[in-house]
PDB file of N, CA and C in Angstrom:
ATOM      1  N   MET A   1      75.567  92.613 123.463  1.00  0.00           N
ATOM      2  CA  MET A   1      75.845  92.923 122.089  1.00  0.00           C
ATOM      3  C   MET A   1      74.709  92.360 121.244  1.00  0.00           C
ATOM      4  N   LYS A   2      74.263  93.152 120.255  1.00  0.00           N
ATOM      5  CA  LYS A   2      73.177  92.720 119.390  1.00  0.00           C
ATOM      6  C   LYS A   2      73.680  92.666 117.951  1.00  0.00           C
ATOM      7  N   LEU A   3      73.420  91.570 117.264  1.00  0.00           N
ATOM      8  CA  LEU A   3      73.816  91.403 115.870  1.00  0.00           C
ATOM      9  C   LEU A   3      72.634  91.755 114.987  1.00  0.00           C
ATOM     10  N   ARG A   4      72.852  92.671 114.053  1.00  0.00           N
ATOM     11  CA  ARG A   4      71.814  93.031 113.090  1.00  0.00           C
ATOM     12  C   ARG A   4      72.264  92.570 111.714  1.00  0.00           C
ATOM     13  N   VAL A   5      71.380  91.911 111.005  1.00  0.00           N
ATOM     14  CA  VAL A   5      71.688  91.377 109.680  1.00  0.00           C
ATOM     15  C   VAL A   5      70.864  92.143 108.652  1.00  0.00           C
ATOM     16  N   PHE A   6      71.522  92.585 107.574  1.00  0.00           N
ATOM     17  CA  PHE A   6      70.863  93.330 106.514  1.00  0.00           C
ATOM     18  C   PHE A   6      71.095  92.627 105.181  1.00  0.00           C
ATOM     19  N   ASP A   7      70.077  92.610 104.344  1.00  0.00           N
ATOM     20  CA  ASP A   7      70.204  92.037 103.004  1.00  0.00           C
ATOM     21  C   ASP A   7      70.883  93.067 102.109  1.00  0.00           C
ATOM     22  N   LEU A   8      72.107  92.766 101.681  1.00  0.00           N
ATOM     23  CA  LEU A   8      72.889  93.696 100.867  1.00  0.00           C
ATOM     24  C   LEU A   8      72.968  93.273  99.406  1.00  0.00           C
ATOM     25  N   ARG A   9      72.200  92.270  99.027  1.00  0.00           N
ATOM     26  CA  ARG A   9      72.300  91.783  97.642  1.00  0.00           C
ATOM     27  C   ARG A   9      72.044  92.889  96.629  1.00  0.00           C
ATOM     28  N   GLU A  10      71.024  93.702  96.854  1.00  0.00           N
ATOM     29  CA  GLU A  10      70.718  94.769  95.898  1.00  0.00           C
ATOM     30  C   GLU A  10      71.867  95.762  95.822  1.00  0.00           C
ATOM     31  N   SER A  11      72.401  96.146  96.952  1.00  0.00           N
ATOM     32  CA  SER A  11      73.526  97.076  96.968  1.00  0.00           C
ATOM     33  C   SER A  11      74.745  96.467  96.295  1.00  0.00           C
ATOM     34  N   MET A  12      75.048  95.223  96.615  1.00  0.00           N
ATOM     35  CA  MET A  12      76.232  94.575  96.063  1.00  0.00           C
ATOM     36  C   MET A  12      76.093  94.361  94.554  1.00  0.00           C
ATOM     37  N   ALA A  13      74.883  94.140  94.074  1.00  0.00           N
ATOM     38  CA  ALA A  13      74.668  93.941  92.639  1.00  0.00           C
ATOM     39  C   ALA A  13      74.699  95.262  91.886  1.00  0.00           C
ATOM     40  N   ASN A  14      74.677  96.347  92.630  1.00  0.00           N
ATOM     41  CA  ASN A  14      74.623  97.666  92.007  1.00  0.00           C
ATOM     42  C   ASN A  14      75.911  98.434  92.269  1.00  0.00           C
ATOM     43  N   GLY A  15      77.036  97.737  92.332  1.00  0.00           N
ATOM     44  CA  GLY A  15      78.315  98.427  92.493  1.00  0.00           C
ATOM     45  C   GLY A  15      78.728  98.647  93.928  1.00  0.00           C
ATOM     46  N   GLY A  16      78.192  97.880  94.864  1.00  0.00           N
ATOM     47  CA  GLY A  16      78.582  98.052  96.264  1.00  0.00           C
ATOM     48  C   GLY A  16      80.003  97.585  96.506  1.00  0.00           C
ATOM     49  N   GLY A  17      80.395  97.537  97.746  1.00  0.00           N
ATOM     50  CA  GLY A  17      81.771  97.161  98.080  1.00  0.00           C
ATOM     51  C   GLY A  17      82.715  98.300  97.737  1.00  0.00           C
ATOM     52  N   PRO A  18      83.955  97.990  97.389  1.00  0.00           N
ATOM     53  CA  PRO A  18      84.928  99.053  97.110  1.00  0.00           C
ATOM     54  C   PRO A  18      84.475 100.012  96.017  1.00  0.00           C
ATOM     55  N   ALA A  19      83.683  99.521  95.054  1.00  0.00           N
ATOM     56  CA  ALA A  19      83.242 100.389  93.963  1.00  0.00           C
ATOM     57  C   ALA A  19      82.374 101.535  94.456  1.00  0.00           C
ATOM     58  N   CYS A  20      81.672 101.361  95.563  1.00  0.00           N
ATOM     59  CA  CYS A  20      80.788 102.425  96.038  1.00  0.00           C
ATOM     60  C   CYS A  20      81.573 103.546  96.711  1.00  0.00           C
ATOM     61  N   LEU A  21      82.877 103.395  96.825  1.00  0.00           N
ATOM     62  CA  LEU A  21      83.694 104.413  97.476  1.00  0.00           C
ATOM     63  C   LEU A  21      84.270 105.433  96.500  1.00  0.00           C
ATOM     64  N   ARG A  22      83.910 105.344  95.229  1.00  0.00           N
ATOM     65  CA  ARG A  22      84.413 106.308  94.246  1.00  0.00           C
ATOM     66  C   ARG A  22      83.890 107.693  94.575  1.00  0.00           C
ATOM     67  N   LEU A  23      84.742 108.680  94.416  1.00  0.00           N
ATOM     68  CA  LEU A  23      84.364 110.058  94.704  1.00  0.00           C
ATOM     69  C   LEU A  23      85.167 110.973  93.801  1.00  0.00           C
ATOM     70  N   ARG A  24      84.485 111.890  93.151  1.00  0.00           N
ATOM     71  CA  ARG A  24      85.164 112.876  92.309  1.00  0.00           C
ATOM     72  C   ARG A  24      85.157 114.198  93.058  1.00  0.00           C
ATOM     73  N   VAL A  25      86.332 114.783  93.210  1.00  0.00           N
ATOM     74  CA  VAL A  25      86.473 116.056  93.915  1.00  0.00           C
ATOM     75  C   VAL A  25      87.188 117.029  92.987  1.00  0.00           C
ATOM     76  N   VAL A  26      86.563 118.169  92.734  1.00  0.00           N
ATOM     77  CA  VAL A  26      87.161 119.202  91.894  1.00  0.00           C
ATOM     78  C   VAL A  26      87.975 120.122  92.796  1.00  0.00           C
ATOM     79  N   LEU A  27      89.254 120.334  92.442  1.00  0.00           N
ATOM     80  CA  LEU A  27      90.156 121.152  93.254  1.00  0.00           C
ATOM     81  C   LEU A  27      90.749 122.278  92.422  1.00  0.00           C
ATOM     82  N   THR A  28      90.984 123.389  93.076  1.00  0.00           N
ATOM     83  CA  THR A  28      91.726 124.474  92.440  1.00  0.00           C
ATOM     84  C   THR A  28      93.197 124.071  92.420  1.00  0.00           C
ATOM     85  N   PRO A  29      94.025 124.736  91.616  1.00  0.00           N
ATOM     86  CA  PRO A  29      95.458 124.419  91.630  1.00  0.00           C
ATOM     87  C   PRO A  29      96.088 124.554  93.020  1.00  0.00           C
ATOM     88  N   THR A  30      95.680 125.541  93.779  1.00  0.00           N
ATOM     89  CA  THR A  30      96.212 125.724  95.134  1.00  0.00           C
ATOM     90  C   THR A  30      95.808 124.560  96.031  1.00  0.00           C
ATOM     91  N   GLU A  31      94.549 124.163  95.944  1.00  0.00           N
ATOM     92  CA  GLU A  31      94.076 123.024  96.734  1.00  0.00           C
ATOM     93  C   GLU A  31      94.792 121.738  96.319  1.00  0.00           C
ATOM     94  N   MET A  32      95.021 121.593  95.030  1.00  0.00           N
ATOM     95  CA  MET A  32      95.703 120.400  94.521  1.00  0.00           C
ATOM     96  C   MET A  32      97.116 120.285  95.088  1.00  0.00           C
ATOM     97  N   GLN A  33      97.793 121.399  95.258  1.00  0.00           N
ATOM     98  CA  GLN A  33      99.145 121.384  95.819  1.00  0.00           C
ATOM     99  C   GLN A  33      99.148 120.940  97.274  1.00  0.00           C
ATOM    100  N   ALA A  34      98.021 121.129  97.964  1.00  0.00           N
ATOM    101  CA  ALA A  34      97.932 120.761  99.378  1.00  0.00           C
ATOM    102  C   ALA A  34      97.611 119.275  99.580  1.00  0.00           C
ATOM    103  N   VAL A  35      97.240 118.589  98.508  1.00  0.00           N
ATOM    104  CA  VAL A  35      96.876 117.171  98.608  1.00  0.00           C
ATOM    105  C   VAL A  35      98.136 116.319  98.732  1.00  0.00           C
ATOM    106  N   ASN A  36      98.075 115.335  99.620  1.00  0.00           N
ATOM    107  CA  ASN A  36      99.163 114.368  99.767  1.00  0.00           C
ATOM    108  C   ASN A  36      99.360 113.668  98.422  1.00  0.00           C
ATOM    109  N   PRO A  37     100.514 113.828  97.778  1.00  0.00           N
ATOM    110  CA  PRO A  37     100.707 113.227  96.454  1.00  0.00           C
ATOM    111  C   PRO A  37     100.628 111.698  96.459  1.00  0.00           C
ATOM    112  N   ALA A  38     100.805 111.076  97.604  1.00  0.00           N
ATOM    113  CA  ALA A  38     100.752 109.609  97.679  1.00  0.00           C
ATOM    114  C   ALA A  38      99.340 109.068  97.476  1.00  0.00           C
ATOM    115  N   VAL A  39      98.318 109.930  97.553  1.00  0.00           N
ATOM    116  CA  VAL A  39      96.946 109.460  97.353  1.00  0.00           C
ATOM    117  C   VAL A  39      96.452 109.707  95.932  1.00  0.00           C
ATOM    118  N   MET A  40      97.283 110.304  95.107  1.00  0.00           N
ATOM    119  CA  MET A  40      96.895 110.577  93.721  1.00  0.00           C
ATOM    120  C   MET A  40      97.126 109.317  92.881  1.00  0.00           C
ATOM    121  N   MET A  41      96.097 108.930  92.146  1.00  0.00           N
ATOM    122  CA  MET A  41      96.157 107.675  91.395  1.00  0.00           C
ATOM    123  C   MET A  41      97.197 107.735  90.284  1.00  0.00           C
ATOM    124  N   ASN A  42      97.994 106.688  90.234  1.00  0.00           N
ATOM    125  CA  ASN A  42      98.948 106.476  89.150  1.00  0.00           C
ATOM    126  C   ASN A  42      99.093 104.963  88.991  1.00  0.00           C
ATOM    127  N   ASP A  43      99.891 104.536  88.031  1.00  0.00           N
ATOM    128  CA  ASP A  43     100.004 103.095  87.774  1.00  0.00           C
ATOM    129  C   ASP A  43     100.517 102.319  88.988  1.00  0.00           C
ATOM    130  N   ALA A  44     101.506 102.877  89.682  1.00  0.00           N
ATOM    131  CA  ALA A  44     102.080 102.178  90.845  1.00  0.00           C
ATOM    132  C   ALA A  44     101.061 102.079  91.978  1.00  0.00           C
ATOM    133  N   LEU A  45     100.335 103.173  92.237  1.00  0.00           N
ATOM    134  CA  LEU A  45      99.327 103.147  93.302  1.00  0.00           C
ATOM    135  C   LEU A  45      98.191 102.203  92.920  1.00  0.00           C
ATOM    136  N   PHE A  46      97.785 102.233  91.666  1.00  0.00           N
ATOM    137  CA  PHE A  46      96.729 101.333  91.202  1.00  0.00           C
ATOM    138  C   PHE A  46      97.113  99.875  91.462  1.00  0.00           C
ATOM    139  N   GLU A  47      98.340  99.526  91.140  1.00  0.00           N
ATOM    140  CA  GLU A  47      98.815  98.156  91.370  1.00  0.00           C
ATOM    141  C   GLU A  47      98.867  97.839  92.864  1.00  0.00           C
ATOM    142  N   ALA A  48      99.365  98.776  93.664  1.00  0.00           N
ATOM    143  CA  ALA A  48      99.449  98.555  95.116  1.00  0.00           C
ATOM    144  C   ALA A  48      98.061  98.380  95.725  1.00  0.00           C
ATOM    145  N   LEU A  49      97.094  99.185  95.286  1.00  0.00           N
ATOM    146  CA  LEU A  49      95.734  99.072  95.821  1.00  0.00           C
ATOM    147  C   LEU A  49      95.068  97.774  95.374  1.00  0.00           C
ATOM    148  N   ASN A  50      95.306  97.375  94.138  1.00  0.00           N
ATOM    149  CA  ASN A  50      94.769  96.086  93.681  1.00  0.00           C
ATOM    150  C   ASN A  50      95.351  94.937  94.487  1.00  0.00           C
ATOM    151  N   ASN A  51      96.635  94.990  94.760  1.00  0.00           N
ATOM    152  CA  ASN A  51      97.267  93.956  95.589  1.00  0.00           C
ATOM    153  C   ASN A  51      96.693  93.971  96.997  1.00  0.00           C
ATOM    154  N   TRP A  52      96.436  95.169  97.533  1.00  0.00           N
ATOM    155  CA  TRP A  52      95.848  95.312  98.866  1.00  0.00           C
ATOM    156  C   TRP A  52      94.459  94.668  98.897  1.00  0.00           C
ATOM    157  N   VAL A  53      93.645  94.961  97.891  1.00  0.00           N
ATOM    158  CA  VAL A  53      92.299  94.372  97.822  1.00  0.00           C
ATOM    159  C   VAL A  53      92.391  92.851  97.719  1.00  0.00           C
ATOM    160  N   ASP A  54      93.278  92.370  96.856  1.00  0.00           N
ATOM    161  CA  ASP A  54      93.434  90.916  96.712  1.00  0.00           C
ATOM    162  C   ASP A  54      93.839  90.262  98.029  1.00  0.00           C
ATOM    163  N   ARG A  55      94.625  90.958  98.815  1.00  0.00           N
ATOM    164  CA  ARG A  55      95.099  90.380 100.074  1.00  0.00           C
ATOM    165  C   ARG A  55      94.041  90.429 101.175  1.00  0.00           C
ATOM    166  N   TYR A  56      93.301  91.539 101.265  1.00  0.00           N
ATOM    167  CA  TYR A  56      92.452  91.748 102.441  1.00  0.00           C
ATOM    168  C   TYR A  56      90.946  91.658 102.209  1.00  0.00           C
ATOM    169  N   TYR A  57      90.473  91.913 101.013  1.00  0.00           N
ATOM    170  CA  TYR A  57      89.028  92.024 100.816  1.00  0.00           C
ATOM    171  C   TYR A  57      88.387  90.643 100.763  1.00  0.00           C
ATOM    172  N   ARG A  58      87.497  90.381 101.715  1.00  0.00           N
ATOM    173  CA  ARG A  58      86.792  89.095 101.759  1.00  0.00           C
ATOM    174  C   ARG A  58      85.633  89.130 100.768  1.00  0.00           C
ATOM    175  N   ASP A  59      85.392  88.021 100.119  1.00  0.00           N
ATOM    176  CA  ASP A  59      84.263  87.959  99.200  1.00  0.00           C
ATOM    177  C   ASP A  59      82.980  87.511  99.895  1.00  0.00           C
ATOM    178  N   ARG A  60      83.098  87.182 101.174  1.00  0.00           N
ATOM    179  CA  ARG A  60      81.906  86.819 101.952  1.00  0.00           C
ATOM    180  C   ARG A  60      82.225  86.924 103.440  1.00  0.00           C
ATOM    181  N   LEU A  61      81.172  87.132 104.222  1.00  0.00           N
ATOM    182  CA  LEU A  61      81.263  87.113 105.684  1.00  0.00           C
ATOM    183  C   LEU A  61      80.134  86.246 106.202  1.00  0.00           C
ATOM    184  N   THR A  62      80.424  85.443 107.189  1.00  0.00           N
ATOM    185  CA  THR A  62      79.390  84.632 107.828  1.00  0.00           C
ATOM    186  C   THR A  62      79.046  85.259 109.177  1.00  0.00           C
ATOM    187  N   HIS A  63      77.960  84.796 109.758  1.00  0.00           N
ATOM    188  CA  HIS A  63      77.609  85.263 111.100  1.00  0.00           C
ATOM    189  C   HIS A  63      78.749  84.977 112.072  1.00  0.00           C
ATOM    190  N   ALA A  64      79.355  83.816 111.945  1.00  0.00           N
ATOM    191  CA  ALA A  64      80.452  83.438 112.845  1.00  0.00           C
ATOM    192  C   ALA A  64      81.639  84.384 112.691  1.00  0.00           C
ATOM    193  N   ASP A  65      81.901  84.847 111.468  1.00  0.00           N
ATOM    194  CA  ASP A  65      83.007  85.784 111.252  1.00  0.00           C
ATOM    195  C   ASP A  65      82.820  87.069 112.051  1.00  0.00           C
ATOM    196  N   LEU A  66      81.569  87.499 112.184  1.00  0.00           N
ATOM    197  CA  LEU A  66      81.289  88.780 112.837  1.00  0.00           C
ATOM    198  C   LEU A  66      81.593  88.775 114.329  1.00  0.00           C
ATOM    199  N   VAL A  67      81.683  87.607 114.928  1.00  0.00           N
ATOM    200  CA  VAL A  67      82.021  87.524 116.351  1.00  0.00           C
ATOM    201  C   VAL A  67      83.423  86.962 116.571  1.00  0.00           C
ATOM    202  N   ASP A  68      84.134  86.715 115.498  1.00  0.00           N
ATOM    203  CA  ASP A  68      85.489  86.171 115.577  1.00  0.00           C
ATOM    204  C   ASP A  68      86.488  87.317 115.738  1.00  0.00           C
ATOM    205  N   PRO A  69      87.258  87.349 116.821  1.00  0.00           N
ATOM    206  CA  PRO A  69      88.247  88.416 117.019  1.00  0.00           C
ATOM    207  C   PRO A  69      89.261  88.521 115.875  1.00  0.00           C
ATOM    208  N   GLN A  70      89.437  87.446 115.121  1.00  0.00           N
ATOM    209  CA  GLN A  70      90.367  87.478 113.991  1.00  0.00           C
ATOM    210  C   GLN A  70      89.922  88.494 112.937  1.00  0.00           C
ATOM    211  N   LEU A  71      88.617  88.692 112.778  1.00  0.00           N
ATOM    212  CA  LEU A  71      88.118  89.670 111.810  1.00  0.00           C
ATOM    213  C   LEU A  71      88.582  91.073 112.185  1.00  0.00           C
ATOM    214  N   LEU A  72      88.538  91.399 113.470  1.00  0.00           N
ATOM    215  CA  LEU A  72      89.027  92.697 113.941  1.00  0.00           C
ATOM    216  C   LEU A  72      90.524  92.829 113.680  1.00  0.00           C
ATOM    217  N   ARG A  73      91.281  91.782 113.984  1.00  0.00           N
ATOM    218  CA  ARG A  73      92.729  91.824 113.728  1.00  0.00           C
ATOM    219  C   ARG A  73      93.019  92.016 112.241  1.00  0.00           C
ATOM    220  N   GLU A  74      92.293  91.286 111.399  1.00  0.00           N
ATOM    221  CA  GLU A  74      92.485  91.419 109.951  1.00  0.00           C
ATOM    222  C   GLU A  74      92.130  92.823 109.475  1.00  0.00           C
ATOM    223  N   GLY A  75      91.049  93.361 109.993  1.00  0.00           N
ATOM    224  CA  GLY A  75      90.638  94.712 109.611  1.00  0.00           C
ATOM    225  C   GLY A  75      91.673  95.744 110.001  1.00  0.00           C
ATOM    226  N   ARG A  76      92.196  95.611 111.192  1.00  0.00           N
ATOM    227  CA  ARG A  76      93.228  96.551 111.640  1.00  0.00           C
ATOM    228  C   ARG A  76      94.505  96.409 110.824  1.00  0.00           C
ATOM    229  N   GLU A  77      94.880  95.175 110.513  1.00  0.00           N
ATOM    230  CA  GLU A  77      96.066  94.959 109.682  1.00  0.00           C
ATOM    231  C   GLU A  77      95.862  95.580 108.301  1.00  0.00           C
ATOM    232  N   ALA A  78      94.665  95.400 107.747  1.00  0.00           N
ATOM    233  CA  ALA A  78      94.363  95.964 106.429  1.00  0.00           C
ATOM    234  C   ALA A  78      94.422  97.486 106.460  1.00  0.00           C
ATOM    235  N   LEU A  79      93.822  98.098 107.464  1.00  0.00           N
ATOM    236  CA  LEU A  79      93.850  99.560 107.574  1.00  0.00           C
ATOM    237  C   LEU A  79      95.262 100.071 107.802  1.00  0.00           C
ATOM    238  N   ASP A  80      96.030  99.362 108.608  1.00  0.00           N
ATOM    239  CA  ASP A  80      97.413  99.761 108.853  1.00  0.00           C
ATOM    240  C   ASP A  80      98.217  99.705 107.555  1.00  0.00           C
ATOM    241  N   ASP A  81      98.026  98.649 106.790  1.00  0.00           N
ATOM    242  CA  ASP A  81      98.718  98.510 105.509  1.00  0.00           C
ATOM    243  C   ASP A  81      98.269  99.598 104.531  1.00  0.00           C
ATOM    244  N   LEU A  82      96.971  99.885 104.498  1.00  0.00           N
ATOM    245  CA  LEU A  82      96.453 100.907 103.587  1.00  0.00           C
ATOM    246  C   LEU A  82      97.006 102.292 103.914  1.00  0.00           C
ATOM    247  N   THR A  83      97.047 102.632 105.188  1.00  0.00           N
ATOM    248  CA  THR A  83      97.597 103.945 105.548  1.00  0.00           C
ATOM    249  C   THR A  83      99.084 104.023 105.232  1.00  0.00           C
ATOM    250  N   THR A  84      99.764 102.883 105.248  1.00  0.00           N
ATOM    251  CA  THR A  84     101.174 102.855 104.840  1.00  0.00           C
ATOM    252  C   THR A  84     101.293 103.066 103.329  1.00  0.00           C
ATOM    253  N   ILE A  85     100.482 102.357 102.559  1.00  0.00           N
ATOM    254  CA  ILE A  85     100.501 102.514 101.100  1.00  0.00           C
ATOM    255  C   ILE A  85     100.253 103.972 100.717  1.00  0.00           C
ATOM    256  N   LEU A  86      99.291 104.605 101.382  1.00  0.00           N
ATOM    257  CA  LEU A  86      98.916 105.985 101.056  1.00  0.00           C
ATOM    258  C   LEU A  86      99.752 107.024 101.795  1.00  0.00           C
ATOM    259  N   ARG A  87     100.705 106.550 102.592  1.00  0.00           N
ATOM    260  CA  ARG A  87     101.592 107.425 103.365  1.00  0.00           C
ATOM    261  C   ARG A  87     100.805 108.469 104.170  1.00  0.00           C
ATOM    262  N   LEU A  88      99.842 107.976 104.919  1.00  0.00           N
ATOM    263  CA  LEU A  88      98.990 108.844 105.731  1.00  0.00           C
ATOM    264  C   LEU A  88      99.454 108.957 107.173  1.00  0.00           C
ATOM    265  N   GLY A  89     100.366 108.111 107.590  1.00  0.00           N
ATOM    266  CA  GLY A  89     100.760 108.100 108.990  1.00  0.00           C
ATOM    267  C   GLY A  89      99.723 107.355 109.816  1.00  0.00           C
ATOM    268  N   SER A  90      99.793 107.521 111.121  1.00  0.00           N
ATOM    269  CA  SER A  90      98.851 106.855 112.028  1.00  0.00           C
ATOM    270  C   SER A  90      97.551 107.639 112.071  1.00  0.00           C
ATOM    271  N   VAL A  91      96.511 107.070 111.507  1.00  0.00           N
ATOM    272  CA  VAL A  91      95.209 107.726 111.418  1.00  0.00           C
ATOM    273  C   VAL A  91      94.261 107.200 112.495  1.00  0.00           C
ATOM    274  N   TYR A  92      94.343 105.915 112.772  1.00  0.00           N
ATOM    275  CA  TYR A  92      93.400 105.251 113.666  1.00  0.00           C
ATOM    276  C   TYR A  92      93.988 105.098 115.063  1.00  0.00           C
ATOM    277  N   PRO A  93      93.129 105.148 116.098  1.00  0.00           N
ATOM    278  CA  PRO A  93      93.628 105.022 117.474  1.00  0.00           C
ATOM    279  C   PRO A  93      94.457 103.757 117.707  1.00  0.00           C
ATOM    280  N   PHE A  94      94.115 102.639 117.073  1.00  0.00           N
ATOM    281  CA  PHE A  94      94.881 101.406 117.299  1.00  0.00           C
ATOM    282  C   PHE A  94      96.299 101.505 116.744  1.00  0.00           C
ATOM    283  N   GLN A  95      96.577 102.484 115.911  1.00  0.00           N
ATOM    284  CA  GLN A  95      97.918 102.646 115.342  1.00  0.00           C
ATOM    285  C   GLN A  95      98.829 103.463 116.251  1.00  0.00           C
ATOM    286  N   ARG A  96      98.296 104.049 117.291  1.00  0.00           N
ATOM    287  CA  ARG A  96      99.081 104.929 118.157  1.00  0.00           C
ATOM    288  C   ARG A  96      99.691 104.168 119.302  1.00  0.00           C
TER     289      ARG A  96
END
């Protein structure tokens, strides 16, 4: 296994992290009806996602964290919780 380290300061100072995941998608009314309503932003979802970020999002990672199996467990728990919040069902192989 090889560890590669990248300087992310510029990215992080320019809206990286969760903020870089923003995406605007224009949908027709028919396409909009096909979208899972649980993923549409509203006050309750906004609060649930903020709570999710507060619970799972680390503000730093060390080299030691990257080889710690606990990081994988935490990541899987976070993804499992997120798919539950968004009512997506089992999306990832570890959820099956």
